[in-house]
Amino acid sequence: MSIGAFSAAKDANQTIPSLNSAIVTFQTEQFDTKGSYSPGDAQNVPTKAGYYEFKLNATYTASGSLSIRKNGTPLVTVTGGQASVSVLAQANGSTDYFDVLATAAGAIMTVNAGALFQGHMVAGS
């Protein structure tokens, strides 16, 4: 079985206005073995049905939260200014997508450059 994997890095700080949410952009593909990550959409759309592990490593101002999402629904959410989290999720291999959402609480939130969003297949369906 050919395993798909990607790693995308954030090149610049991203500011989210207070009480707003935004998709976190990861502009640079470090690698993408199956062409499943789109920097323009900041989404990963796995091309093979199966189970995937997604990882997020980021620092950000503590006035908000970061969530790894599937089809717009949070799978895991972290707060406190530093994220080092992973989650396992099933993907259908065609329409499911995964991204990262930043939500600013009562102040402006900044997601710092150097953040990483990564994923790889761990098992087929």
PDB file of N, CA and C in Angstrom:
ATOM      1  N   MET A   1       0.845  -1.167   0.000  1.00  0.00           N
ATOM      2  CA  MET A   1       0.000   0.000   0.000  1.00  0.00           C
ATOM      3  C   MET A   1       0.894   1.234   0.000  1.00  0.00           C
ATOM      4  N   SER A   2       0.599   2.173  -0.856  1.00  0.00           N
ATOM      5  CA  SER A   2       1.322   3.436  -0.911  1.00  0.00           C
ATOM      6  C   SER A   2       0.699   4.402   0.096  1.00  0.00           C
ATOM      7  N   ILE A   3       1.498   4.858   1.044  1.00  0.00           N
ATOM      8  CA  ILE A   3       1.002   5.704   2.117  1.00  0.00           C
ATOM      9  C   ILE A   3       1.148   7.170   1.723  1.00  0.00           C
ATOM     10  N   GLY A   4       0.057   7.926   1.847  1.00  0.00           N
ATOM     11  CA  GLY A   4       0.090   9.351   1.590  1.00  0.00           C
ATOM     12  C   GLY A   4       0.510  10.112   2.829  1.00  0.00           C
ATOM     13  N   ALA A   5       1.281  11.176   2.634  1.00  0.00           N
ATOM     14  CA  ALA A   5       1.720  12.016   3.745  1.00  0.00           C
ATOM     15  C   ALA A   5       1.965  13.425   3.234  1.00  0.00           C
ATOM     16  N   PHE A   6       1.775  14.412   4.125  1.00  0.00           N
ATOM     17  CA  PHE A   6       2.089  15.798   3.773  1.00  0.00           C
ATOM     18  C   PHE A   6       2.598  16.530   5.000  1.00  0.00           C
ATOM     19  N   SER A   7       3.339  17.593   4.740  1.00  0.00           N
ATOM     20  CA  SER A   7       3.778  18.515   5.785  1.00  0.00           C
ATOM     21  C   SER A   7       3.730  19.911   5.190  1.00  0.00           C
ATOM     22  N   ALA A   8       3.037  20.822   5.879  1.00  0.00           N
ATOM     23  CA  ALA A   8       2.906  22.191   5.408  1.00  0.00           C
ATOM     24  C   ALA A   8       3.310  23.147   6.524  1.00  0.00           C
ATOM     25  N   ALA A   9       4.054  24.187   6.159  1.00  0.00           N
ATOM     26  CA  ALA A   9       4.584  25.133   7.140  1.00  0.00           C
ATOM     27  C   ALA A   9       3.995  26.530   6.928  1.00  0.00           C
ATOM     28  N   LYS A  10       3.878  27.244   8.030  1.00  0.00           N
ATOM     29  CA  LYS A  10       3.404  28.628   8.016  1.00  0.00           C
ATOM     30  C   LYS A  10       4.598  29.554   7.857  1.00  0.00           C
ATOM     31  N   ASP A  11       4.577  30.394   6.814  1.00  0.00           N
ATOM     32  CA  ASP A  11       5.698  31.283   6.496  1.00  0.00           C
ATOM     33  C   ASP A  11       5.672  32.610   7.241  1.00  0.00           C
ATOM     34  N   ALA A  12       4.485  33.088   7.609  1.00  0.00           N
ATOM     35  CA  ALA A  12       4.357  34.417   8.201  1.00  0.00           C
ATOM     36  C   ALA A  12       3.305  34.398   9.304  1.00  0.00           C
ATOM     37  N   ASN A  13       3.421  35.332  10.231  1.00  0.00           N
ATOM     38  CA  ASN A  13       2.405  35.470  11.270  1.00  0.00           C
ATOM     39  C   ASN A  13       1.046  35.738  10.629  1.00  0.00           C
ATOM     40  N   GLN A  14      -0.003  35.248  11.277  1.00  0.00           N
ATOM     41  CA  GLN A  14      -1.371  35.482  10.807  1.00  0.00           C
ATOM     42  C   GLN A  14      -2.172  36.054  11.966  1.00  0.00           C
ATOM     43  N   THR A  15      -2.790  37.208  11.744  1.00  0.00           N
ATOM     44  CA  THR A  15      -3.557  37.885  12.783  1.00  0.00           C
ATOM     45  C   THR A  15      -5.048  37.668  12.564  1.00  0.00           C
ATOM     46  N   ILE A  16      -5.741  37.327  13.650  1.00  0.00           N
ATOM     47  CA  ILE A  16      -7.190  37.120  13.611  1.00  0.00           C
ATOM     48  C   ILE A  16      -7.816  38.177  14.528  1.00  0.00           C
ATOM     49  N   PRO A  17      -8.737  38.991  14.013  1.00  0.00           N
ATOM     50  CA  PRO A  17      -9.365  40.019  14.844  1.00  0.00           C
ATOM     51  C   PRO A  17     -10.135  39.399  16.027  1.00  0.00           C
ATOM     52  N   SER A  18     -10.239  40.177  17.096  1.00  0.00           N
ATOM     53  CA  SER A  18     -10.964  39.746  18.287  1.00  0.00           C
ATOM     54  C   SER A  18     -12.368  39.259  17.929  1.00  0.00           C
ATOM     55  N   LEU A  19     -12.767  38.159  18.559  1.00  0.00           N
ATOM     56  CA  LEU A  19     -14.098  37.573  18.398  1.00  0.00           C
ATOM     57  C   LEU A  19     -14.382  37.106  16.979  1.00  0.00           C
ATOM     58  N   ASN A  20     -13.345  36.720  16.246  1.00  0.00           N
ATOM     59  CA  ASN A  20     -13.480  36.193  14.887  1.00  0.00           C
ATOM     60  C   ASN A  20     -12.744  34.868  14.768  1.00  0.00           C
ATOM     61  N   SER A  21     -13.035  34.157  13.686  1.00  0.00           N
ATOM     62  CA  SER A  21     -12.351  32.910  13.355  1.00  0.00           C
ATOM     63  C   SER A  21     -11.814  32.990  11.938  1.00  0.00           C
ATOM     64  N   ALA A  22     -10.755  32.234  11.680  1.00  0.00           N
ATOM     65  CA  ALA A  22     -10.181  32.195  10.330  1.00  0.00           C
ATOM     66  C   ALA A  22      -9.451  30.877  10.136  1.00  0.00           C
ATOM     67  N   ILE A  23      -9.447  30.393   8.902  1.00  0.00           N
ATOM     68  CA  ILE A  23      -8.660  29.225   8.548  1.00  0.00           C
ATOM     69  C   ILE A  23      -7.190  29.617   8.642  1.00  0.00           C
ATOM     70  N   VAL A  24      -6.386  28.796   9.296  1.00  0.00           N
ATOM     71  CA  VAL A  24      -4.954  29.057   9.401  1.00  0.00           C
ATOM     72  C   VAL A  24      -4.309  28.629   8.092  1.00  0.00           C
ATOM     73  N   THR A  25      -3.515  29.525   7.520  1.00  0.00           N
ATOM     74  CA  THR A  25      -2.853  29.230   6.254  1.00  0.00           C
ATOM     75  C   THR A  25      -1.457  28.672   6.506  1.00  0.00           C
ATOM     76  N   PHE A  26      -1.128  27.655   5.757  1.00  0.00           N
ATOM     77  CA  PHE A  26       0.205  27.037   5.772  1.00  0.00           C
ATOM     78  C   PHE A  26       0.692  27.098   4.331  1.00  0.00           C
ATOM     79  N   GLN A  27       1.544  28.080   4.040  1.00  0.00           N
ATOM     80  CA  GLN A  27       1.848  28.441   2.662  1.00  0.00           C
ATOM     81  C   GLN A  27       2.835  27.512   1.961  1.00  0.00           C
ATOM     82  N   THR A  28       3.696  26.841   2.710  1.00  0.00           N
ATOM     83  CA  THR A  28       4.763  26.067   2.085  1.00  0.00           C
ATOM     84  C   THR A  28       4.568  24.577   2.303  1.00  0.00           C
ATOM     85  N   GLU A  29       4.442  23.841   1.213  1.00  0.00           N
ATOM     86  CA  GLU A  29       4.415  22.387   1.301  1.00  0.00           C
ATOM     87  C   GLU A  29       5.857  21.898   1.429  1.00  0.00           C
ATOM     88  N   GLN A  30       6.170  21.285   2.557  1.00  0.00           N
ATOM     89  CA  GLN A  30       7.496  20.702   2.720  1.00  0.00           C
ATOM     90  C   GLN A  30       7.586  19.400   1.935  1.00  0.00           C
ATOM     91  N   PHE A  31       6.509  18.631   1.944  1.00  0.00           N
ATOM     92  CA  PHE A  31       6.343  17.478   1.064  1.00  0.00           C
ATOM     93  C   PHE A  31       4.870  17.130   1.004  1.00  0.00           C
ATOM     94  N   ASP A  32       4.463  16.453  -0.059  1.00  0.00           N
ATOM     95  CA  ASP A  32       3.072  16.052  -0.264  1.00  0.00           C
ATOM     96  C   ASP A  32       3.088  14.888  -1.243  1.00  0.00           C
ATOM     97  N   THR A  33       3.145  13.673  -0.720  1.00  0.00           N
ATOM     98  CA  THR A  33       3.379  12.500  -1.554  1.00  0.00           C
ATOM     99  C   THR A  33       2.211  12.132  -2.463  1.00  0.00           C
ATOM    100  N   LYS A  34       1.008  12.584  -2.152  1.00  0.00           N
ATOM    101  CA  LYS A  34      -0.167  12.242  -2.965  1.00  0.00           C
ATOM    102  C   LYS A  34      -0.877  13.465  -3.544  1.00  0.00           C
ATOM    103  N   GLY A  35      -0.299  14.654  -3.364  1.00  0.00           N
ATOM    104  CA  GLY A  35      -0.933  15.860  -3.887  1.00  0.00           C
ATOM    105  C   GLY A  35      -2.248  16.177  -3.204  1.00  0.00           C
ATOM    106  N   SER A  36      -2.362  15.846  -1.921  1.00  0.00           N
ATOM    107  CA  SER A  36      -3.631  16.013  -1.218  1.00  0.00           C
ATOM    108  C   SER A  36      -3.755  17.333  -0.459  1.00  0.00           C
ATOM    109  N   TYR A  37      -2.635  18.069  -0.289  1.00  0.00           N
ATOM    110  CA  TYR A  37      -2.691  19.345   0.432  1.00  0.00           C
ATOM    111  C   TYR A  37      -2.691  20.499  -0.557  1.00  0.00           C
ATOM    112  N   SER A  38      -3.593  21.451  -0.335  1.00  0.00           N
ATOM    113  CA  SER A  38      -3.691  22.637  -1.191  1.00  0.00           C
ATOM    114  C   SER A  38      -3.353  23.878  -0.369  1.00  0.00           C
ATOM    115  N   PRO A  39      -2.187  24.500  -0.612  1.00  0.00           N
ATOM    116  CA  PRO A  39      -1.854  25.722   0.123  1.00  0.00           C
ATOM    117  C   PRO A  39      -2.878  26.838  -0.100  1.00  0.00           C
ATOM    118  N   GLY A  40      -3.470  26.909  -1.280  1.00  0.00           N
ATOM    119  CA  GLY A  40      -4.451  27.947  -1.574  1.00  0.00           C
ATOM    120  C   GLY A  40      -5.694  27.853  -0.714  1.00  0.00           C
ATOM    121  N   ASP A  41      -6.148  26.625  -0.463  1.00  0.00           N
ATOM    122  CA  ASP A  41      -7.324  26.409   0.385  1.00  0.00           C
ATOM    123  C   ASP A  41      -6.945  26.119   1.828  1.00  0.00           C
ATOM    124  N   ALA A  42      -5.654  25.848   2.073  1.00  0.00           N
ATOM    125  CA  ALA A  42      -5.158  25.434   3.393  1.00  0.00           C
ATOM    126  C   ALA A  42      -5.907  24.197   3.879  1.00  0.00           C
ATOM    127  N   GLN A  43      -6.166  23.268   2.946  1.00  0.00           N
ATOM    128  CA  GLN A  43      -6.896  22.040   3.260  1.00  0.00           C
ATOM    129  C   GLN A  43      -6.142  20.821   2.766  1.00  0.00           C
ATOM    130  N   ASN A  44      -6.348  19.730   3.492  1.00  0.00           N
ATOM    131  CA  ASN A  44      -5.886  18.422   3.049  1.00  0.00           C
ATOM    132  C   ASN A  44      -7.115  17.609   2.687  1.00  0.00           C
ATOM    133  N   VAL A  45      -7.130  17.077   1.474  1.00  0.00           N
ATOM    134  CA  VAL A  45      -8.222  16.212   1.013  1.00  0.00           C
ATOM    135  C   VAL A  45      -7.595  14.866   0.663  1.00  0.00           C
ATOM    136  N   PRO A  46      -7.623  13.912   1.606  1.00  0.00           N
ATOM    137  CA  PRO A  46      -7.012  12.605   1.327  1.00  0.00           C
ATOM    138  C   PRO A  46      -7.613  11.967   0.078  1.00  0.00           C
ATOM    139  N   THR A  47      -6.756  11.343  -0.731  1.00  0.00           N
ATOM    140  CA  THR A  47      -7.188  10.761  -1.998  1.00  0.00           C
ATOM    141  C   THR A  47      -7.460   9.267  -1.911  1.00  0.00           C
ATOM    142  N   LYS A  48      -7.288   8.692  -0.740  1.00  0.00           N
ATOM    143  CA  LYS A  48      -7.553   7.268  -0.535  1.00  0.00           C
ATOM    144  C   LYS A  48      -8.325   7.101   0.766  1.00  0.00           C
ATOM    145  N   ALA A  49      -9.385   6.297   0.735  1.00  0.00           N
ATOM    146  CA  ALA A  49     -10.170   6.050   1.949  1.00  0.00           C
ATOM    147  C   ALA A  49      -9.313   5.335   2.985  1.00  0.00           C
ATOM    148  N   GLY A  50      -9.457   5.759   4.228  1.00  0.00           N
ATOM    149  CA  GLY A  50      -8.703   5.123   5.294  1.00  0.00           C
ATOM    150  C   GLY A  50      -8.668   5.963   6.546  1.00  0.00           C
ATOM    151  N   TYR A  51      -7.747   5.607   7.417  1.00  0.00           N
ATOM    152  CA  TYR A  51      -7.561   6.293   8.693  1.00  0.00           C
ATOM    153  C   TYR A  51      -6.269   7.107   8.628  1.00  0.00           C
ATOM    154  N   TYR A  52      -6.356   8.347   9.099  1.00  0.00           N
ATOM    155  CA  TYR A  52      -5.247   9.284   9.005  1.00  0.00           C
ATOM    156  C   TYR A  52      -4.941   9.890  10.367  1.00  0.00           C
ATOM    157  N   GLU A  53      -3.651  10.186  10.579  1.00  0.00           N
ATOM    158  CA  GLU A  53      -3.250  10.949  11.745  1.00  0.00           C
ATOM    159  C   GLU A  53      -2.876  12.343  11.271  1.00  0.00           C
ATOM    160  N   PHE A  54      -3.450  13.352  11.918  1.00  0.00           N
ATOM    161  CA  PHE A  54      -3.132  14.751  11.630  1.00  0.00           C
ATOM    162  C   PHE A  54      -2.474  15.352  12.852  1.00  0.00           C
ATOM    163  N   LYS A  55      -1.439  16.170  12.609  1.00  0.00           N
ATOM    164  CA  LYS A  55      -0.676  16.801  13.690  1.00  0.00           C
ATOM    165  C   LYS A  55      -0.617  18.301  13.469  1.00  0.00           C
ATOM    166  N   LEU A  56      -0.651  19.029  14.574  1.00  0.00           N
ATOM    167  CA  LEU A  56      -0.513  20.478  14.554  1.00  0.00           C
ATOM    168  C   LEU A  56       0.505  20.874  15.611  1.00  0.00           C
ATOM    169  N   ASN A  57       1.502  21.624  15.186  1.00  0.00           N
ATOM    170  CA  ASN A  57       2.482  22.210  16.100  1.00  0.00           C
ATOM    171  C   ASN A  57       2.505  23.701  15.822  1.00  0.00           C
ATOM    172  N   ALA A  58       2.143  24.502  16.834  1.00  0.00           N
ATOM    173  CA  ALA A  58       2.052  25.947  16.618  1.00  0.00           C
ATOM    174  C   ALA A  58       2.176  26.692  17.932  1.00  0.00           C
ATOM    175  N   THR A  59       2.647  27.927  17.826  1.00  0.00           N
ATOM    176  CA  THR A  59       2.567  28.856  18.943  1.00  0.00           C
ATOM    177  C   THR A  59       1.677  30.011  18.502  1.00  0.00           C
ATOM    178  N   TYR A  60       0.956  30.564  19.474  1.00  0.00           N
ATOM    179  CA  TYR A  60       0.009  31.638  19.173  1.00  0.00           C
ATOM    180  C   TYR A  60      -0.273  32.405  20.452  1.00  0.00           C
ATOM    181  N   THR A  61      -0.820  33.598  20.304  1.00  0.00           N
ATOM    182  CA  THR A  61      -1.168  34.361  21.493  1.00  0.00           C
ATOM    183  C   THR A  61      -2.261  33.612  22.241  1.00  0.00           C
ATOM    184  N   ALA A  62      -2.191  33.672  23.546  1.00  0.00           N
ATOM    185  CA  ALA A  62      -3.064  32.850  24.381  1.00  0.00           C
ATOM    186  C   ALA A  62      -4.519  33.320  24.405  1.00  0.00           C
ATOM    187  N   SER A  63      -4.851  34.307  23.597  1.00  0.00           N
ATOM    188  CA  SER A  63      -6.217  34.836  23.604  1.00  0.00           C
ATOM    189  C   SER A  63      -7.132  34.105  22.629  1.00  0.00           C
ATOM    190  N   GLY A  64      -6.862  32.839  22.375  1.00  0.00           N
ATOM    191  CA  GLY A  64      -7.712  32.121  21.441  1.00  0.00           C
ATOM    192  C   GLY A  64      -7.481  30.631  21.481  1.00  0.00           C
ATOM    193  N   SER A  65      -7.969  29.956  20.438  1.00  0.00           N
ATOM    194  CA  SER A  65      -7.840  28.501  20.350  1.00  0.00           C
ATOM    195  C   SER A  65      -7.555  28.100  18.904  1.00  0.00           C
ATOM    196  N   LEU A  66      -7.010  26.898  18.762  1.00  0.00           N
ATOM    197  CA  LEU A  66      -6.778  26.296  17.454  1.00  0.00           C
ATOM    198  C   LEU A  66      -7.477  24.948  17.419  1.00  0.00           C
ATOM    199  N   SER A  67      -8.106  24.632  16.290  1.00  0.00           N
ATOM    200  CA  SER A  67      -8.816  23.367  16.127  1.00  0.00           C
ATOM    201  C   SER A  67      -8.402  22.686  14.839  1.00  0.00           C
ATOM    202  N   ILE A  68      -8.127  21.389  14.892  1.00  0.00           N
ATOM    203  CA  ILE A  68      -8.024  20.576  13.685  1.00  0.00           C
ATOM    204  C   ILE A  68      -9.447  20.142  13.377  1.00  0.00           C
ATOM    205  N   ARG A  69      -9.888  20.397  12.135  1.00  0.00           N
ATOM    206  CA  ARG A  69     -11.270  20.116  11.778  1.00  0.00           C
ATOM    207  C   ARG A  69     -11.387  19.119  10.625  1.00  0.00           C
ATOM    208  N   LYS A  70     -12.498  18.410  10.609  1.00  0.00           N
ATOM    209  CA  LYS A  70     -12.880  17.549   9.487  1.00  0.00           C
ATOM    210  C   LYS A  70     -14.201  18.078   8.950  1.00  0.00           C
ATOM    211  N   ASN A  71     -14.217  18.470   7.694  1.00  0.00           N
ATOM    212  CA  ASN A  71     -15.431  18.977   7.048  1.00  0.00           C
ATOM    213  C   ASN A  71     -16.069  20.113   7.843  1.00  0.00           C
ATOM    214  N   GLY A  72     -15.246  20.949   8.476  1.00  0.00           N
ATOM    215  CA  GLY A  72     -15.742  22.092   9.222  1.00  0.00           C
ATOM    216  C   GLY A  72     -16.113  21.823  10.662  1.00  0.00           C
ATOM    217  N   THR A  73     -16.003  20.568  11.109  1.00  0.00           N
ATOM    218  CA  THR A  73     -16.335  20.204  12.486  1.00  0.00           C
ATOM    219  C   THR A  73     -15.063  19.931  13.270  1.00  0.00           C
ATOM    220  N   PRO A  74     -14.870  20.611  14.415  1.00  0.00           N
ATOM    221  CA  PRO A  74     -13.645  20.389  15.200  1.00  0.00           C
ATOM    222  C   PRO A  74     -13.504  18.944  15.671  1.00  0.00           C
ATOM    223  N   LEU A  75     -12.301  18.395  15.478  1.00  0.00           N
ATOM    224  CA  LEU A  75     -11.965  17.073  16.009  1.00  0.00           C
ATOM    225  C   LEU A  75     -11.227  17.203  17.338  1.00  0.00           C
ATOM    226  N   VAL A  76     -10.391  18.229  17.433  1.00  0.00           N
ATOM    227  CA  VAL A  76      -9.640  18.514  18.657  1.00  0.00           C
ATOM    228  C   VAL A  76      -9.380  20.015  18.692  1.00  0.00           C
ATOM    229  N   THR A  77      -9.498  20.600  19.890  1.00  0.00           N
ATOM    230  CA  THR A  77      -9.276  22.033  20.071  1.00  0.00           C
ATOM    231  C   THR A  77      -8.307  22.238  21.224  1.00  0.00           C
ATOM    232  N   VAL A  78      -7.361  23.158  21.043  1.00  0.00           N
ATOM    233  CA  VAL A  78      -6.380  23.467  22.081  1.00  0.00           C
ATOM    234  C   VAL A  78      -6.400  24.959  22.381  1.00  0.00           C
ATOM    235  N   THR A  79      -6.088  25.291  23.635  1.00  0.00           N
ATOM    236  CA  THR A  79      -5.987  26.677  24.071  1.00  0.00           C
ATOM    237  C   THR A  79      -4.683  26.842  24.834  1.00  0.00           C
ATOM    238  N   GLY A  80      -4.308  28.077  25.122  1.00  0.00           N
ATOM    239  CA  GLY A  80      -3.176  28.305  25.996  1.00  0.00           C
ATOM    240  C   GLY A  80      -1.907  28.799  25.351  1.00  0.00           C
ATOM    241  N   GLY A  81      -1.891  29.026  24.043  1.00  0.00           N
ATOM    242  CA  GLY A  81      -0.732  29.632  23.421  1.00  0.00           C
ATOM    243  C   GLY A  81       0.247  28.697  22.747  1.00  0.00           C
ATOM    244  N   GLN A  82       0.113  27.398  22.998  1.00  0.00           N
ATOM    245  CA  GLN A  82       0.995  26.441  22.324  1.00  0.00           C
ATOM    246  C   GLN A  82       0.195  25.190  21.993  1.00  0.00           C
ATOM    247  N   ALA A  83       0.321  24.739  20.758  1.00  0.00           N
ATOM    248  CA  ALA A  83      -0.373  23.533  20.312  1.00  0.00           C
ATOM    249  C   ALA A  83       0.652  22.511  19.861  1.00  0.00           C
ATOM    250  N   SER A  84       0.567  21.348  20.418  1.00  0.00           N
ATOM    251  CA  SER A  84       1.312  20.185  19.955  1.00  0.00           C
ATOM    252  C   SER A  84       0.356  19.024  20.133  1.00  0.00           C
ATOM    253  N   VAL A  85      -0.437  18.782  19.120  1.00  0.00           N
ATOM    254  CA  VAL A  85      -1.564  17.870  19.251  1.00  0.00           C
ATOM    255  C   VAL A  85      -1.706  17.033  17.988  1.00  0.00           C
ATOM    256  N   SER A  86      -2.236  15.829  18.157  1.00  0.00           N
ATOM    257  CA  SER A  86      -2.536  14.980  17.008  1.00  0.00           C
ATOM    258  C   SER A  86      -3.908  14.355  17.207  1.00  0.00           C
ATOM    259  N   VAL A  87      -4.486  13.916  16.098  1.00  0.00           N
ATOM    260  CA  VAL A  87      -5.808  13.296  16.136  1.00  0.00           C
ATOM    261  C   VAL A  87      -5.887  12.263  15.012  1.00  0.00           C
ATOM    262  N   LEU A  88      -6.592  11.172  15.276  1.00  0.00           N
ATOM    263  CA  LEU A  88      -6.862  10.153  14.257  1.00  0.00           C
ATOM    264  C   LEU A  88      -8.271  10.362  13.715  1.00  0.00           C
ATOM    265  N   ALA A  89      -8.426  10.229  12.405  1.00  0.00           N
ATOM    266  CA  ALA A  89      -9.733  10.416  11.795  1.00  0.00           C
ATOM    267  C   ALA A  89      -9.856   9.548  10.557  1.00  0.00           C
ATOM    268  N   GLN A  90     -11.080   9.162  10.272  1.00  0.00           N
ATOM    269  CA  GLN A  90     -11.361   8.399   9.058  1.00  0.00           C
ATOM    270  C   GLN A  90     -11.695   9.372   7.934  1.00  0.00           C
ATOM    271  N   ALA A  91     -11.211   9.074   6.732  1.00  0.00           N
ATOM    272  CA  ALA A  91     -11.501   9.884   5.547  1.00  0.00           C
ATOM    273  C   ALA A  91     -12.040   8.992   4.448  1.00  0.00           C
ATOM    274  N   ASN A  92     -12.986   9.527   3.658  1.00  0.00           N
ATOM    275  CA  ASN A  92     -13.611   8.717   2.608  1.00  0.00           C
ATOM    276  C   ASN A  92     -12.788   8.662   1.319  1.00  0.00           C
ATOM    277  N   GLY A  93     -11.723   9.463   1.232  1.00  0.00           N
ATOM    278  CA  GLY A  93     -10.851   9.412   0.057  1.00  0.00           C
ATOM    279  C   GLY A  93     -11.324  10.229  -1.120  1.00  0.00           C
ATOM    280  N   SER A  94     -12.395  11.020  -0.939  1.00  0.00           N
ATOM    281  CA  SER A  94     -12.865  11.833  -2.058  1.00  0.00           C
ATOM    282  C   SER A  94     -13.321  13.228  -1.614  1.00  0.00           C
ATOM    283  N   THR A  95     -14.248  13.324  -0.682  1.00  0.00           N
ATOM    284  CA  THR A  95     -14.807  14.639  -0.342  1.00  0.00           C
ATOM    285  C   THR A  95     -14.450  15.137   1.054  1.00  0.00           C
ATOM    286  N   ASP A  96     -13.975  14.287   1.941  1.00  0.00           N
ATOM    287  CA  ASP A  96     -13.610  14.744   3.279  1.00  0.00           C
ATOM    288  C   ASP A  96     -12.399  15.660   3.201  1.00  0.00           C
ATOM    289  N   TYR A  97     -12.417  16.734   4.004  1.00  0.00           N
ATOM    290  CA  TYR A  97     -11.263  17.631   4.045  1.00  0.00           C
ATOM    291  C   TYR A  97     -10.916  17.953   5.494  1.00  0.00           C
ATOM    292  N   PHE A  98      -9.655  18.312   5.704  1.00  0.00           N
ATOM    293  CA  PHE A  98      -9.131  18.623   7.028  1.00  0.00           C
ATOM    294  C   PHE A  98      -8.405  19.953   6.960  1.00  0.00           C
ATOM    295  N   ASP A  99      -8.613  20.791   7.976  1.00  0.00           N
ATOM    296  CA  ASP A  99      -7.946  22.079   8.046  1.00  0.00           C
ATOM    297  C   ASP A  99      -7.765  22.477   9.500  1.00  0.00           C
ATOM    298  N   VAL A 100      -7.224  23.679   9.708  1.00  0.00           N
ATOM    299  CA  VAL A 100      -6.997  24.209  11.051  1.00  0.00           C
ATOM    300  C   VAL A 100      -7.713  25.548  11.146  1.00  0.00           C
ATOM    301  N   LEU A 101      -8.512  25.716  12.211  1.00  0.00           N
ATOM    302  CA  LEU A 101      -9.246  26.953  12.445  1.00  0.00           C
ATOM    303  C   LEU A 101      -8.694  27.651  13.678  1.00  0.00           C
ATOM    304  N   ALA A 102      -8.447  28.950  13.553  1.00  0.00           N
ATOM    305  CA  ALA A 102      -8.055  29.789  14.693  1.00  0.00           C
ATOM    306  C   ALA A 102      -9.270  30.605  15.110  1.00  0.00           C
ATOM    307  N   THR A 103      -9.537  30.655  16.412  1.00  0.00           N
ATOM    308  CA  THR A 103     -10.636  31.439  16.939  1.00  0.00           C
ATOM    309  C   THR A 103     -10.100  32.385  18.003  1.00  0.00           C
ATOM    310  N   ALA A 104     -10.238  33.688  17.752  1.00  0.00           N
ATOM    311  CA  ALA A 104      -9.771  34.706  18.694  1.00  0.00           C
ATOM    312  C   ALA A 104     -10.838  34.938  19.753  1.00  0.00           C
ATOM    313  N   ALA A 105     -10.407  34.989  20.999  1.00  0.00           N
ATOM    314  CA  ALA A 105     -11.341  35.255  22.104  1.00  0.00           C
ATOM    315  C   ALA A 105     -11.506  36.768  22.244  1.00  0.00           C
ATOM    316  N   GLY A 106     -11.245  37.310  23.413  1.00  0.00           N
ATOM    317  CA  GLY A 106     -11.509  38.722  23.677  1.00  0.00           C
ATOM    318  C   GLY A 106     -10.437  39.679  23.226  1.00  0.00           C
ATOM    319  N   ALA A 107      -9.446  39.218  22.490  1.00  0.00           N
ATOM    320  CA  ALA A 107      -8.375  40.090  22.008  1.00  0.00           C
ATOM    321  C   ALA A 107      -7.906  39.597  20.647  1.00  0.00           C
ATOM    322  N   ILE A 108      -7.102  40.418  19.984  1.00  0.00           N
ATOM    323  CA  ILE A 108      -6.522  40.007  18.711  1.00  0.00           C
ATOM    324  C   ILE A 108      -5.628  38.792  18.945  1.00  0.00           C
ATOM    325  N   MET A 109      -5.685  37.841  18.041  1.00  0.00           N
ATOM    326  CA  MET A 109      -4.903  36.607  18.146  1.00  0.00           C
ATOM    327  C   MET A 109      -3.899  36.557  16.997  1.00  0.00           C
ATOM    328  N   THR A 110      -2.692  36.109  17.288  1.00  0.00           N
ATOM    329  CA  THR A 110      -1.682  35.926  16.252  1.00  0.00           C
ATOM    330  C   THR A 110      -1.193  34.489  16.278  1.00  0.00           C
ATOM    331  N   VAL A 111      -1.267  33.817  15.125  1.00  0.00           N
ATOM    332  CA  VAL A 111      -0.663  32.500  14.953  1.00  0.00           C
ATOM    333  C   VAL A 111       0.708  32.752  14.346  1.00  0.00           C
ATOM    334  N   ASN A 112       1.751  32.277  15.008  1.00  0.00           N
ATOM    335  CA  ASN A 112       3.114  32.620  14.623  1.00  0.00           C
ATOM    336  C   ASN A 112       3.646  31.799  13.452  1.00  0.00           C
ATOM    337  N   ALA A 113       4.523  32.439  12.677  1.00  0.00           N
ATOM    338  CA  ALA A 113       5.233  31.754  11.601  1.00  0.00           C
ATOM    339  C   ALA A 113       5.985  30.565  12.180  1.00  0.00           C
ATOM    340  N   GLY A 114       6.169  29.539  11.380  1.00  0.00           N
ATOM    341  CA  GLY A 114       6.876  28.341  11.811  1.00  0.00           C
ATOM    342  C   GLY A 114       5.946  27.213  12.220  1.00  0.00           C
ATOM    343  N   ALA A 115       4.644  27.475  12.296  1.00  0.00           N
ATOM    344  CA  ALA A 115       3.681  26.430  12.638  1.00  0.00           C
ATOM    345  C   ALA A 115       3.680  25.345  11.556  1.00  0.00           C
ATOM    346  N   LEU A 116       3.362  24.123  11.958  1.00  0.00           N
ATOM    347  CA  LEU A 116       3.311  22.991  11.026  1.00  0.00           C
ATOM    348  C   LEU A 116       1.964  22.286  11.118  1.00  0.00           C
ATOM    349  N   PHE A 117       1.414  21.925   9.959  1.00  0.00           N
ATOM    350  CA  PHE A 117       0.222  21.073   9.848  1.00  0.00           C
ATOM    351  C   PHE A 117       0.663  19.877   9.027  1.00  0.00           C
ATOM    352  N   GLN A 118       0.515  18.688   9.585  1.00  0.00           N
ATOM    353  CA  GLN A 118       1.008  17.470   8.943  1.00  0.00           C
ATOM    354  C   GLN A 118      -0.022  16.358   9.029  1.00  0.00           C
ATOM    355  N   GLY A 119       0.076  15.409   8.122  1.00  0.00           N
ATOM    356  CA  GLY A 119      -0.799  14.259   8.176  1.00  0.00           C
ATOM    357  C   GLY A 119      -0.239  13.098   7.380  1.00  0.00           C
ATOM    358  N   HIS A 120      -0.688  11.903   7.777  1.00  0.00           N
ATOM    359  CA  HIS A 120      -0.300  10.709   7.027  1.00  0.00           C
ATOM    360  C   HIS A 120      -1.322   9.599   7.262  1.00  0.00           C
ATOM    361  N   MET A 121      -1.428   8.733   6.288  1.00  0.00           N
ATOM    362  CA  MET A 121      -2.330   7.594   6.384  1.00  0.00           C
ATOM    363  C   MET A 121      -1.733   6.557   7.309  1.00  0.00           C
ATOM    364  N   VAL A 122      -2.571   5.997   8.203  1.00  0.00           N
ATOM    365  CA  VAL A 122      -2.088   4.958   9.105  1.00  0.00           C
ATOM    366  C   VAL A 122      -2.669   3.589   8.778  1.00  0.00           C
ATOM    367  N   ALA A 123      -3.836   3.563   8.109  1.00  0.00           N
ATOM    368  CA  ALA A 123      -4.438   2.287   7.710  1.00  0.00           C
ATOM    369  C   ALA A 123      -5.508   2.533   6.656  1.00  0.00           C
ATOM    370  N   GLY A 124      -5.680   1.588   5.767  1.00  0.00           N
ATOM    371  CA  GLY A 124      -6.752   1.668   4.776  1.00  0.00           C
ATOM    372  C   GLY A 124      -8.081   1.281   5.404  1.00  0.00           C
ATOM    373  N   SER A 125      -9.150   1.600   4.700  1.00  0.00           N
ATOM    374  CA  SER A 125     -10.495   1.261   5.208  1.00  0.00           C
ATOM    375  C   SER A 125     -10.776  -0.214   5.018  1.00  0.00           C
TER     376      SER A 125
END
